[in-house]
């Protein structure tokens, strides 16, 4: 059934950014550098948390899961984007396009849920510190992460199953730098209203509900912080969640800008820029924001670097 449905389109042309070849050659090393920084930064974050016992805490465990999702997301998007910049138009199989969207949907769902779990972790740490260790046990951490990954896998699988059930007869041009859902549905010659409704309904538990939980968590956090009598105490407490708040704001801000706000009157270039922010920019900024604003991570990095250089010197 699946092969029959997609047999009318075998290849897809990703049109990219519509810039001149000279400009593309300028963008290429910048995006390649960002990609390398993203991989190195997120891999380093995972290594530091595994290596340093001081970072064996729930918040940093969740951070490693976010880094893994960022690595998967950027590796799904950027290589084809780089190919697009060099060849003006990236040609991939329709099956490859579907696979790219599947990985993208899985990573985005995972990030939404993991950021929500991290918000709950910060809520417990600030609003209920005496019971934090008891509640946020290792068992609960593993369960929350497992639920996040399994839920993301299930929802993205439902989306792909619905999308793959349609007939696709072209045209086979996608005016984007990756295979996102709206441009894929534009290739279909079937009625997509049912699929759009189904995907919108499945998007509620992975986008709207987590967003509401984040808002509620930080509302309680702000109330608790405002009750702290000293300015130093307020600043110190807020610093424990400020990095996560910045990441959440950037992630949900760009996500809502692309998928929730009305598309009428919105420039396609703006949509591409916002998509670039949460597919490329956010995965690169996450480890930077968390490390620069966290003394424990910087300390762990210093220790790791010293031990690594010492081992290299002995060799």
C-alpha atoms as a PDB file:
ATOM      1  CA  UNK A   1       0.000   0.000   0.000  1.00  0.00           C
ATOM      2  CA  UNK A   2       2.748   2.417   0.970  1.00  0.00           C
ATOM      3  CA  UNK A   3       4.788   1.827  -2.210  1.00  0.00           C
ATOM      4  CA  UNK A   4       1.649   2.109  -4.315  1.00  0.00           C
ATOM      5  CA  UNK A   5       0.716   5.440  -2.779  1.00  0.00           C
ATOM      6  CA  UNK A   6       4.077   7.092  -3.357  1.00  0.00           C
ATOM      7  CA  UNK A   7       4.889   5.521  -6.753  1.00  0.00           C
ATOM      8  CA  UNK A   8       3.617   8.600  -8.623  1.00  0.00           C
ATOM      9  CA  UNK A   9       6.483  10.642  -7.125  1.00  0.00           C
ATOM     10  CA  UNK A  10       9.908   9.090  -6.859  1.00  0.00           C
ATOM     11  CA  UNK A  11      12.078  12.174  -6.284  1.00  0.00           C
ATOM     12  CA  UNK A  12      11.686  15.505  -4.528  1.00  0.00           C
ATOM     13  CA  UNK A  13      13.501  18.768  -5.278  1.00  0.00           C
ATOM     14  CA  UNK A  14      14.315  20.886  -2.216  1.00  0.00           C
ATOM     15  CA  UNK A  15      14.618  24.448  -3.509  1.00  0.00           C
ATOM     16  CA  UNK A  16      16.346  25.856  -0.435  1.00  0.00           C
ATOM     17  CA  UNK A  17      16.873  29.581   0.080  1.00  0.00           C
ATOM     18  CA  UNK A  18      16.630  31.014  -3.489  1.00  0.00           C
ATOM     19  CA  UNK A  19      19.943  32.830  -3.092  1.00  0.00           C
ATOM     20  CA  UNK A  20      22.709  33.195  -5.679  1.00  0.00           C
ATOM     21  CA  UNK A  21      25.446  30.589  -5.899  1.00  0.00           C
ATOM     22  CA  UNK A  22      28.021  33.072  -4.581  1.00  0.00           C
ATOM     23  CA  UNK A  23      25.882  33.711  -1.504  1.00  0.00           C
ATOM     24  CA  UNK A  24      25.389  29.962  -1.072  1.00  0.00           C
ATOM     25  CA  UNK A  25      29.160  29.460  -1.072  1.00  0.00           C
ATOM     26  CA  UNK A  26      29.308  32.058   1.719  1.00  0.00           C
ATOM     27  CA  UNK A  27      26.562  30.316   3.724  1.00  0.00           C
ATOM     28  CA  UNK A  28      28.145  26.869   3.333  1.00  0.00           C
ATOM     29  CA  UNK A  29      31.189  27.290   5.654  1.00  0.00           C
ATOM     30  CA  UNK A  30      29.045  29.143   8.211  1.00  0.00           C
ATOM     31  CA  UNK A  31      26.460  26.356   8.401  1.00  0.00           C
ATOM     32  CA  UNK A  32      29.187  23.716   8.343  1.00  0.00           C
ATOM     33  CA  UNK A  33      30.881  25.439  11.285  1.00  0.00           C
ATOM     34  CA  UNK A  34      27.551  25.647  13.147  1.00  0.00           C
ATOM     35  CA  UNK A  35      26.943  21.941  12.496  1.00  0.00           C
ATOM     36  CA  UNK A  36      30.383  20.984  13.816  1.00  0.00           C
ATOM     37  CA  UNK A  37      29.905  23.212  16.873  1.00  0.00           C
ATOM     38  CA  UNK A  38      26.497  21.647  17.514  1.00  0.00           C
ATOM     39  CA  UNK A  39      27.839  18.102  17.365  1.00  0.00           C
ATOM     40  CA  UNK A  40      30.906  18.894  19.482  1.00  0.00           C
ATOM     41  CA  UNK A  41      28.976  20.973  22.039  1.00  0.00           C
ATOM     42  CA  UNK A  42      26.221  18.423  22.598  1.00  0.00           C
ATOM     43  CA  UNK A  43      28.595  15.442  22.602  1.00  0.00           C
ATOM     44  CA  UNK A  44      30.796  17.255  25.108  1.00  0.00           C
ATOM     45  CA  UNK A  45      27.751  17.903  27.292  1.00  0.00           C
ATOM     46  CA  UNK A  46      26.909  14.191  27.345  1.00  0.00           C
ATOM     47  CA  UNK A  47      30.523  13.230  28.070  1.00  0.00           C
ATOM     48  CA  UNK A  48      30.833  15.749  30.920  1.00  0.00           C
ATOM     49  CA  UNK A  49      27.655  14.541  32.626  1.00  0.00           C
ATOM     50  CA  UNK A  50      28.755  10.903  32.340  1.00  0.00           C
ATOM     51  CA  UNK A  51      32.328  11.722  33.416  1.00  0.00           C
ATOM     52  CA  UNK A  52      31.712  14.057  36.361  1.00  0.00           C
ATOM     53  CA  UNK A  53      30.074  12.697  39.506  1.00  0.00           C
ATOM     54  CA  UNK A  54      29.116  16.237  40.514  1.00  0.00           C
ATOM     55  CA  UNK A  55      26.787  16.299  37.487  1.00  0.00           C
ATOM     56  CA  UNK A  56      25.025  13.039  38.339  1.00  0.00           C
ATOM     57  CA  UNK A  57      21.800  14.872  39.103  1.00  0.00           C
ATOM     58  CA  UNK A  58      18.346  14.785  37.484  1.00  0.00           C
ATOM     59  CA  UNK A  59      18.685  18.168  35.746  1.00  0.00           C
ATOM     60  CA  UNK A  60      21.920  17.163  34.011  1.00  0.00           C
ATOM     61  CA  UNK A  61      20.575  13.725  33.139  1.00  0.00           C
ATOM     62  CA  UNK A  62      17.655  15.383  31.359  1.00  0.00           C
ATOM     63  CA  UNK A  63      20.134  17.725  29.706  1.00  0.00           C
ATOM     64  CA  UNK A  64      21.993  14.780  28.168  1.00  0.00           C
ATOM     65  CA  UNK A  65      18.725  13.518  26.683  1.00  0.00           C
ATOM     66  CA  UNK A  66      18.085  16.970  25.218  1.00  0.00           C
ATOM     67  CA  UNK A  67      21.597  16.945  23.741  1.00  0.00           C
ATOM     68  CA  UNK A  68      20.953  13.552  22.121  1.00  0.00           C
ATOM     69  CA  UNK A  69      17.728  14.887  20.575  1.00  0.00           C
ATOM     70  CA  UNK A  70      19.622  17.958  19.308  1.00  0.00           C
ATOM     71  CA  UNK A  71      22.301  15.787  17.705  1.00  0.00           C
ATOM     72  CA  UNK A  72      19.661  13.680  15.931  1.00  0.00           C
ATOM     73  CA  UNK A  73      17.735  16.754  14.781  1.00  0.00           C
ATOM     74  CA  UNK A  74      20.640  18.706  13.358  1.00  0.00           C
ATOM     75  CA  UNK A  75      22.125  15.577  11.713  1.00  0.00           C
ATOM     76  CA  UNK A  76      18.766  14.992  10.038  1.00  0.00           C
ATOM     77  CA  UNK A  77      18.527  18.517   8.594  1.00  0.00           C
ATOM     78  CA  UNK A  78      21.958  20.066   8.047  1.00  0.00           C
ATOM     79  CA  UNK A  79      23.764  17.551   5.733  1.00  0.00           C
ATOM     80  CA  UNK A  80      21.038  17.817   3.078  1.00  0.00           C
ATOM     81  CA  UNK A  81      20.958  21.596   3.573  1.00  0.00           C
ATOM     82  CA  UNK A  82      24.716  21.767   2.925  1.00  0.00           C
ATOM     83  CA  UNK A  83      24.255  19.674  -0.211  1.00  0.00           C
ATOM     84  CA  UNK A  84      21.511  22.096  -1.245  1.00  0.00           C
ATOM     85  CA  UNK A  85      23.836  25.085  -0.902  1.00  0.00           C
ATOM     86  CA  UNK A  86      26.490  23.495  -3.116  1.00  0.00           C
ATOM     87  CA  UNK A  87      24.141  22.236  -5.826  1.00  0.00           C
ATOM     88  CA  UNK A  88      21.422  24.935  -5.739  1.00  0.00           C
ATOM     89  CA  UNK A  89      18.703  22.240  -5.613  1.00  0.00           C
ATOM     90  CA  UNK A  90      18.885  19.109  -3.463  1.00  0.00           C
ATOM     91  CA  UNK A  91      17.319  16.045  -5.090  1.00  0.00           C
ATOM     92  CA  UNK A  92      16.286  13.265  -2.719  1.00  0.00           C
ATOM     93  CA  UNK A  93      13.957  10.307  -3.044  1.00  0.00           C
ATOM     94  CA  UNK A  94      10.405  10.722  -1.841  1.00  0.00           C
ATOM     95  CA  UNK A  95      11.001   7.910   0.628  1.00  0.00           C
ATOM     96  CA  UNK A  96      14.065   9.803   1.894  1.00  0.00           C
ATOM     97  CA  UNK A  97      11.900  12.914   2.256  1.00  0.00           C
ATOM     98  CA  UNK A  98       9.386  10.974   4.343  1.00  0.00           C
ATOM     99  CA  UNK A  99      12.173   9.551   6.494  1.00  0.00           C
ATOM    100  CA  UNK A 100      13.628  13.026   7.043  1.00  0.00           C
ATOM    101  CA  UNK A 101      10.254  14.332   8.200  1.00  0.00           C
ATOM    102  CA  UNK A 102       9.819  11.291  10.461  1.00  0.00           C
ATOM    103  CA  UNK A 103      13.142  11.900  12.243  1.00  0.00           C
ATOM    104  CA  UNK A 104      12.374  15.617  12.424  1.00  0.00           C
ATOM    105  CA  UNK A 105       8.935  15.022  13.965  1.00  0.00           C
ATOM    106  CA  UNK A 106      10.376  12.517  16.441  1.00  0.00           C
ATOM    107  CA  UNK A 107      13.116  14.931  17.569  1.00  0.00           C
ATOM    108  CA  UNK A 108      10.789  17.914  17.879  1.00  0.00           C
ATOM    109  CA  UNK A 109       8.281  15.902  19.938  1.00  0.00           C
ATOM    110  CA  UNK A 110      11.114  14.667  22.135  1.00  0.00           C
ATOM    111  CA  UNK A 111      12.443  18.183  22.738  1.00  0.00           C
ATOM    112  CA  UNK A 112       8.977  19.465  23.667  1.00  0.00           C
ATOM    113  CA  UNK A 113       8.489  16.699  26.217  1.00  0.00           C
ATOM    114  CA  UNK A 114      12.040  16.822  27.595  1.00  0.00           C
ATOM    115  CA  UNK A 115      11.853  20.597  28.094  1.00  0.00           C
ATOM    116  CA  UNK A 116       8.574  20.016  29.936  1.00  0.00           C
ATOM    117  CA  UNK A 117      10.190  17.394  32.167  1.00  0.00           C
ATOM    118  CA  UNK A 118      13.022  19.822  32.900  1.00  0.00           C
ATOM    119  CA  UNK A 119      10.475  22.493  33.819  1.00  0.00           C
ATOM    120  CA  UNK A 120       8.872  20.100  36.304  1.00  0.00           C
ATOM    121  CA  UNK A 121      12.329  19.327  37.690  1.00  0.00           C
ATOM    122  CA  UNK A 122      13.028  23.038  38.230  1.00  0.00           C
ATOM    123  CA  UNK A 123       9.584  23.467  39.833  1.00  0.00           C
ATOM    124  CA  UNK A 124      10.307  20.721  42.379  1.00  0.00           C
ATOM    125  CA  UNK A 125      13.821  22.012  43.087  1.00  0.00           C
ATOM    126  CA  UNK A 126      12.645  25.578  43.797  1.00  0.00           C
ATOM    127  CA  UNK A 127       9.094  25.174  45.090  1.00  0.00           C
ATOM    128  CA  UNK A 128       9.521  21.943  47.039  1.00  0.00           C
ATOM    129  CA  UNK A 129      13.256  21.661  47.827  1.00  0.00           C
ATOM    130  CA  UNK A 130      12.897  19.548  50.981  1.00  0.00           C
ATOM    131  CA  UNK A 131      11.166  16.726  49.105  1.00  0.00           C
ATOM    132  CA  UNK A 132      13.044  17.188  45.807  1.00  0.00           C
ATOM    133  CA  UNK A 133      15.497  14.316  46.319  1.00  0.00           C
ATOM    134  CA  UNK A 134      12.741  11.963  47.444  1.00  0.00           C
ATOM    135  CA  UNK A 135      10.372  12.777  44.594  1.00  0.00           C
ATOM    136  CA  UNK A 136      12.874  13.139  41.749  1.00  0.00           C
ATOM    137  CA  UNK A 137      14.449   9.738  42.276  1.00  0.00           C
ATOM    138  CA  UNK A 138      16.519   7.885  39.736  1.00  0.00           C
ATOM    139  CA  UNK A 139      13.563   5.637  39.011  1.00  0.00           C
ATOM    140  CA  UNK A 140      11.281   8.593  38.261  1.00  0.00           C
ATOM    141  CA  UNK A 141      13.933  10.225  36.058  1.00  0.00           C
ATOM    142  CA  UNK A 142      14.228   7.084  33.956  1.00  0.00           C
ATOM    143  CA  UNK A 143      10.447   6.749  33.702  1.00  0.00           C
ATOM    144  CA  UNK A 144      10.006  10.369  32.606  1.00  0.00           C
ATOM    145  CA  UNK A 145      12.678  10.064  29.932  1.00  0.00           C
ATOM    146  CA  UNK A 146      11.295   6.709  28.758  1.00  0.00           C
ATOM    147  CA  UNK A 147       7.780   8.151  28.498  1.00  0.00           C
ATOM    148  CA  UNK A 148       9.111  11.156  26.578  1.00  0.00           C
ATOM    149  CA  UNK A 149      10.926   9.044  23.980  1.00  0.00           C
ATOM    150  CA  UNK A 150       8.140   6.467  23.601  1.00  0.00           C
ATOM    151  CA  UNK A 151       5.435   9.133  23.311  1.00  0.00           C
ATOM    152  CA  UNK A 152       7.473  10.983  20.698  1.00  0.00           C
ATOM    153  CA  UNK A 153       8.017   7.782  18.737  1.00  0.00           C
ATOM    154  CA  UNK A 154       4.309   6.910  18.885  1.00  0.00           C
ATOM    155  CA  UNK A 155       3.053  10.338  17.823  1.00  0.00           C
ATOM    156  CA  UNK A 156       5.562  10.722  14.987  1.00  0.00           C
ATOM    157  CA  UNK A 157       4.688   7.211  13.773  1.00  0.00           C
ATOM    158  CA  UNK A 158       0.987   8.133  13.684  1.00  0.00           C
ATOM    159  CA  UNK A 159       1.821  11.284  11.710  1.00  0.00           C
ATOM    160  CA  UNK A 160       3.917   9.358   9.204  1.00  0.00           C
ATOM    161  CA  UNK A 161       1.274   6.646   8.810  1.00  0.00           C
ATOM    162  CA  UNK A 162      -1.382   9.276   8.065  1.00  0.00           C
ATOM    163  CA  UNK A 163       0.875  11.194   5.685  1.00  0.00           C
ATOM    164  CA  UNK A 164       1.955   8.037   3.836  1.00  0.00           C
ATOM    165  CA  UNK A 165      -1.664   6.972   3.270  1.00  0.00           C
ATOM    166  CA  UNK A 166      -2.162   9.845   0.810  1.00  0.00           C
ATOM    167  CA  UNK A 167      -1.576   9.780  -2.952  1.00  0.00           C
ATOM    168  CA  UNK A 168       1.212  12.038  -4.234  1.00  0.00           C
ATOM    169  CA  UNK A 169       1.162  13.130  -7.853  1.00  0.00           C
ATOM    170  CA  UNK A 170       3.251  16.296  -7.772  1.00  0.00           C
ATOM    171  CA  UNK A 171       4.607  18.724  -8.555  1.00  0.00           C
ATOM    172  CA  UNK A 172       7.695  17.396  -6.824  1.00  0.00           C
ATOM    173  CA  UNK A 173       9.228  20.751  -5.819  1.00  0.00           C
ATOM    174  CA  UNK A 174       9.370  21.678  -2.124  1.00  0.00           C
ATOM    175  CA  UNK A 175      10.121  25.346  -1.520  1.00  0.00           C
ATOM    176  CA  UNK A 176      11.982  24.712   1.717  1.00  0.00           C
ATOM    177  CA  UNK A 177      15.365  23.459   2.892  1.00  0.00           C
ATOM    178  CA  UNK A 178      13.937  20.278   4.448  1.00  0.00           C
ATOM    179  CA  UNK A 179      10.877  18.054   4.190  1.00  0.00           C
ATOM    180  CA  UNK A 180       8.401  19.593   6.610  1.00  0.00           C
ATOM    181  CA  UNK A 181       4.767  18.513   6.838  1.00  0.00           C
ATOM    182  CA  UNK A 182       2.977  21.486   5.145  1.00  0.00           C
ATOM    183  CA  UNK A 183       5.098  21.385   1.950  1.00  0.00           C
ATOM    184  CA  UNK A 184       4.836  17.581   1.808  1.00  0.00           C
ATOM    185  CA  UNK A 185       1.046  17.780   1.949  1.00  0.00           C
ATOM    186  CA  UNK A 186       1.119  20.305  -0.916  1.00  0.00           C
ATOM    187  CA  UNK A 187       2.455  17.518  -3.144  1.00  0.00           C
ATOM    188  CA  UNK A 188      -0.600  15.360  -2.493  1.00  0.00           C
ATOM    189  CA  UNK A 189      -3.491  15.048  -4.905  1.00  0.00           C
ATOM    190  CA  UNK A 190      -5.686  13.534  -2.157  1.00  0.00           C
ATOM    191  CA  UNK A 191      -7.946  15.320   0.304  1.00  0.00           C
ATOM    192  CA  UNK A 192      -5.549  16.268   3.120  1.00  0.00           C
ATOM    193  CA  UNK A 193      -8.142  17.823   5.467  1.00  0.00           C
ATOM    194  CA  UNK A 194      -8.588  14.611   7.442  1.00  0.00           C
ATOM    195  CA  UNK A 195      -4.848  14.158   7.855  1.00  0.00           C
ATOM    196  CA  UNK A 196      -4.425  17.785   8.900  1.00  0.00           C
ATOM    197  CA  UNK A 197      -7.175  17.401  11.519  1.00  0.00           C
ATOM    198  CA  UNK A 198      -5.676  14.159  12.836  1.00  0.00           C
ATOM    199  CA  UNK A 199      -2.197  15.662  13.080  1.00  0.00           C
ATOM    200  CA  UNK A 200      -3.582  18.758  14.786  1.00  0.00           C
ATOM    201  CA  UNK A 201      -5.329  16.583  17.383  1.00  0.00           C
ATOM    202  CA  UNK A 202      -2.216  14.488  18.005  1.00  0.00           C
ATOM    203  CA  UNK A 203      -0.218  17.698  18.298  1.00  0.00           C
ATOM    204  CA  UNK A 204      -2.217  18.812  21.346  1.00  0.00           C
ATOM    205  CA  UNK A 205      -0.558  16.405  23.817  1.00  0.00           C
ATOM    206  CA  UNK A 206       2.916  17.124  22.447  1.00  0.00           C
ATOM    207  CA  UNK A 207       2.781  20.892  21.970  1.00  0.00           C
ATOM    208  CA  UNK A 208      -0.094  22.571  23.792  1.00  0.00           C
ATOM    209  CA  UNK A 209      -0.162  20.461  26.964  1.00  0.00           C
ATOM    210  CA  UNK A 210       3.621  20.627  27.525  1.00  0.00           C
ATOM    211  CA  UNK A 211       3.534  24.374  26.904  1.00  0.00           C
ATOM    212  CA  UNK A 212       0.801  24.807  29.533  1.00  0.00           C
ATOM    213  CA  UNK A 213       2.790  22.710  32.016  1.00  0.00           C
ATOM    214  CA  UNK A 214       5.857  24.906  31.394  1.00  0.00           C
ATOM    215  CA  UNK A 215       3.795  28.071  31.940  1.00  0.00           C
ATOM    216  CA  UNK A 216       2.241  26.736  35.149  1.00  0.00           C
ATOM    217  CA  UNK A 217       5.613  25.531  36.476  1.00  0.00           C
ATOM    218  CA  UNK A 218       7.294  28.868  35.922  1.00  0.00           C
ATOM    219  CA  UNK A 219       4.330  30.764  37.323  1.00  0.00           C
ATOM    220  CA  UNK A 220       4.807  28.941  40.632  1.00  0.00           C
ATOM    221  CA  UNK A 221       8.579  29.394  40.393  1.00  0.00           C
ATOM    222  CA  UNK A 222       8.251  33.154  39.915  1.00  0.00           C
ATOM    223  CA  UNK A 223       5.873  33.430  42.877  1.00  0.00           C
ATOM    224  CA  UNK A 224       8.335  31.547  45.095  1.00  0.00           C
ATOM    225  CA  UNK A 225      11.268  33.663  43.912  1.00  0.00           C
ATOM    226  CA  UNK A 226       9.397  36.913  44.558  1.00  0.00           C
ATOM    227  CA  UNK A 227       8.776  35.815  48.163  1.00  0.00           C
ATOM    228  CA  UNK A 228      12.514  35.514  48.851  1.00  0.00           C
ATOM    229  CA  UNK A 229      13.406  38.576  50.986  1.00  0.00           C
ATOM    230  CA  UNK A 230      16.960  39.261  49.766  1.00  0.00           C
ATOM    231  CA  UNK A 231      17.902  40.334  46.247  1.00  0.00           C
ATOM    232  CA  UNK A 232      20.920  38.028  46.373  1.00  0.00           C
ATOM    233  CA  UNK A 233      18.723  35.069  47.262  1.00  0.00           C
ATOM    234  CA  UNK A 234      16.306  35.858  44.449  1.00  0.00           C
ATOM    235  CA  UNK A 235      19.123  36.170  41.936  1.00  0.00           C
ATOM    236  CA  UNK A 236      20.786  32.942  43.072  1.00  0.00           C
ATOM    237  CA  UNK A 237      17.514  30.997  42.918  1.00  0.00           C
ATOM    238  CA  UNK A 238      16.560  32.392  39.519  1.00  0.00           C
ATOM    239  CA  UNK A 239      19.992  31.501  38.130  1.00  0.00           C
ATOM    240  CA  UNK A 240      19.211  27.820  38.652  1.00  0.00           C
ATOM    241  CA  UNK A 241      16.418  27.948  36.082  1.00  0.00           C
ATOM    242  CA  UNK A 242      17.304  30.948  33.882  1.00  0.00           C
ATOM    243  CA  UNK A 243      19.197  28.845  31.295  1.00  0.00           C
ATOM    244  CA  UNK A 244      16.251  26.503  30.870  1.00  0.00           C
ATOM    245  CA  UNK A 245      13.837  29.433  30.623  1.00  0.00           C
ATOM    246  CA  UNK A 246      15.920  30.990  27.828  1.00  0.00           C
ATOM    247  CA  UNK A 247      16.007  27.710  25.886  1.00  0.00           C
ATOM    248  CA  UNK A 248      12.257  27.169  26.332  1.00  0.00           C
ATOM    249  CA  UNK A 249      11.474  30.728  25.186  1.00  0.00           C
ATOM    250  CA  UNK A 250      13.569  30.390  22.029  1.00  0.00           C
ATOM    251  CA  UNK A 251      12.256  26.919  21.209  1.00  0.00           C
ATOM    252  CA  UNK A 252       8.556  27.585  21.721  1.00  0.00           C
ATOM    253  CA  UNK A 253       8.782  31.104  20.281  1.00  0.00           C
ATOM    254  CA  UNK A 254      10.066  29.905  16.918  1.00  0.00           C
ATOM    255  CA  UNK A 255       7.852  26.805  16.944  1.00  0.00           C
ATOM    256  CA  UNK A 256       4.686  28.822  17.514  1.00  0.00           C
ATOM    257  CA  UNK A 257       5.838  31.352  14.921  1.00  0.00           C
ATOM    258  CA  UNK A 258       5.963  28.650  12.249  1.00  0.00           C
ATOM    259  CA  UNK A 259       3.079  26.302  13.098  1.00  0.00           C
ATOM    260  CA  UNK A 260       0.579  28.194  15.249  1.00  0.00           C
ATOM    261  CA  UNK A 261       0.459  31.779  13.973  1.00  0.00           C
ATOM    262  CA  UNK A 262      -1.637  32.375  10.835  1.00  0.00           C
ATOM    263  CA  UNK A 263       0.278  31.767   7.606  1.00  0.00           C
ATOM    264  CA  UNK A 264      -1.649  34.396   5.664  1.00  0.00           C
ATOM    265  CA  UNK A 265       0.542  37.390   4.984  1.00  0.00           C
ATOM    266  CA  UNK A 266       3.609  35.665   6.460  1.00  0.00           C
ATOM    267  CA  UNK A 267       6.609  35.710   4.147  1.00  0.00           C
ATOM    268  CA  UNK A 268       8.052  32.355   3.135  1.00  0.00           C
ATOM    269  CA  UNK A 269      11.515  33.729   3.919  1.00  0.00           C
ATOM    270  CA  UNK A 270      10.389  34.473   7.490  1.00  0.00           C
ATOM    271  CA  UNK A 271       9.076  30.911   7.813  1.00  0.00           C
ATOM    272  CA  UNK A 272      12.390  29.537   6.573  1.00  0.00           C
ATOM    273  CA  UNK A 273      14.329  31.754   8.972  1.00  0.00           C
ATOM    274  CA  UNK A 274      12.223  30.639  11.952  1.00  0.00           C
ATOM    275  CA  UNK A 275      12.592  27.011  10.845  1.00  0.00           C
ATOM    276  CA  UNK A 276      16.345  27.542  10.644  1.00  0.00           C
ATOM    277  CA  UNK A 277      16.297  28.860  14.215  1.00  0.00           C
ATOM    278  CA  UNK A 278      14.743  25.762  15.810  1.00  0.00           C
ATOM    279  CA  UNK A 279      16.357  23.158  13.534  1.00  0.00           C
ATOM    280  CA  UNK A 280      19.892  24.591  13.494  1.00  0.00           C
ATOM    281  CA  UNK A 281      20.177  27.549  15.871  1.00  0.00           C
ATOM    282  CA  UNK A 282      18.589  26.087  18.999  1.00  0.00           C
ATOM    283  CA  UNK A 283      20.566  22.795  18.965  1.00  0.00           C
ATOM    284  CA  UNK A 284      23.773  24.845  18.749  1.00  0.00           C
ATOM    285  CA  UNK A 285      22.780  27.327  21.465  1.00  0.00           C
ATOM    286  CA  UNK A 286      21.511  24.802  24.021  1.00  0.00           C
ATOM    287  CA  UNK A 287      24.907  23.548  25.248  1.00  0.00           C
ATOM    288  CA  UNK A 288      26.340  27.078  25.087  1.00  0.00           C
ATOM    289  CA  UNK A 289      23.534  28.587  27.171  1.00  0.00           C
ATOM    290  CA  UNK A 290      23.604  25.798  29.749  1.00  0.00           C
ATOM    291  CA  UNK A 291      27.396  25.712  30.074  1.00  0.00           C
ATOM    292  CA  UNK A 292      28.122  29.440  30.186  1.00  0.00           C
ATOM    293  CA  UNK A 293      25.460  30.045  32.839  1.00  0.00           C
ATOM    294  CA  UNK A 294      26.338  27.026  34.973  1.00  0.00           C
ATOM    295  CA  UNK A 295      29.388  27.060  37.226  1.00  0.00           C
ATOM    296  CA  UNK A 296      29.215  23.301  37.859  1.00  0.00           C
ATOM    297  CA  UNK A 297      29.406  22.470  34.160  1.00  0.00           C
ATOM    298  CA  UNK A 298      32.304  24.881  33.660  1.00  0.00           C
ATOM    299  CA  UNK A 299      34.089  23.320  36.632  1.00  0.00           C
ATOM    300  CA  UNK A 300      33.507  19.821  35.253  1.00  0.00           C
ATOM    301  CA  UNK A 301      34.823  20.940  31.873  1.00  0.00           C
ATOM    302  CA  UNK A 302      37.962  22.374  33.483  1.00  0.00           C
ATOM    303  CA  UNK A 303      38.603  19.139  35.373  1.00  0.00           C
ATOM    304  CA  UNK A 304      37.941  17.025  32.301  1.00  0.00           C
ATOM    305  CA  UNK A 305      40.264  19.173  30.194  1.00  0.00           C
ATOM    306  CA  UNK A 306      43.057  19.021  32.789  1.00  0.00           C
ATOM    307  CA  UNK A 307      42.818  15.237  33.127  1.00  0.00           C
ATOM    308  CA  UNK A 308      42.684  14.795  29.345  1.00  0.00           C
ATOM    309  CA  UNK A 309      45.796  16.940  28.804  1.00  0.00           C
ATOM    310  CA  UNK A 310      47.572  15.095  31.614  1.00  0.00           C
ATOM    311  CA  UNK A 311      46.840  11.714  30.017  1.00  0.00           C
ATOM    312  CA  UNK A 312      47.999  12.999  26.622  1.00  0.00           C
ATOM    313  CA  UNK A 313      51.242  14.285  28.187  1.00  0.00           C
ATOM    314  CA  UNK A 314      51.934  10.893  29.763  1.00  0.00           C
ATOM    315  CA  UNK A 315      51.579   9.209  26.406  1.00  0.00           C
END
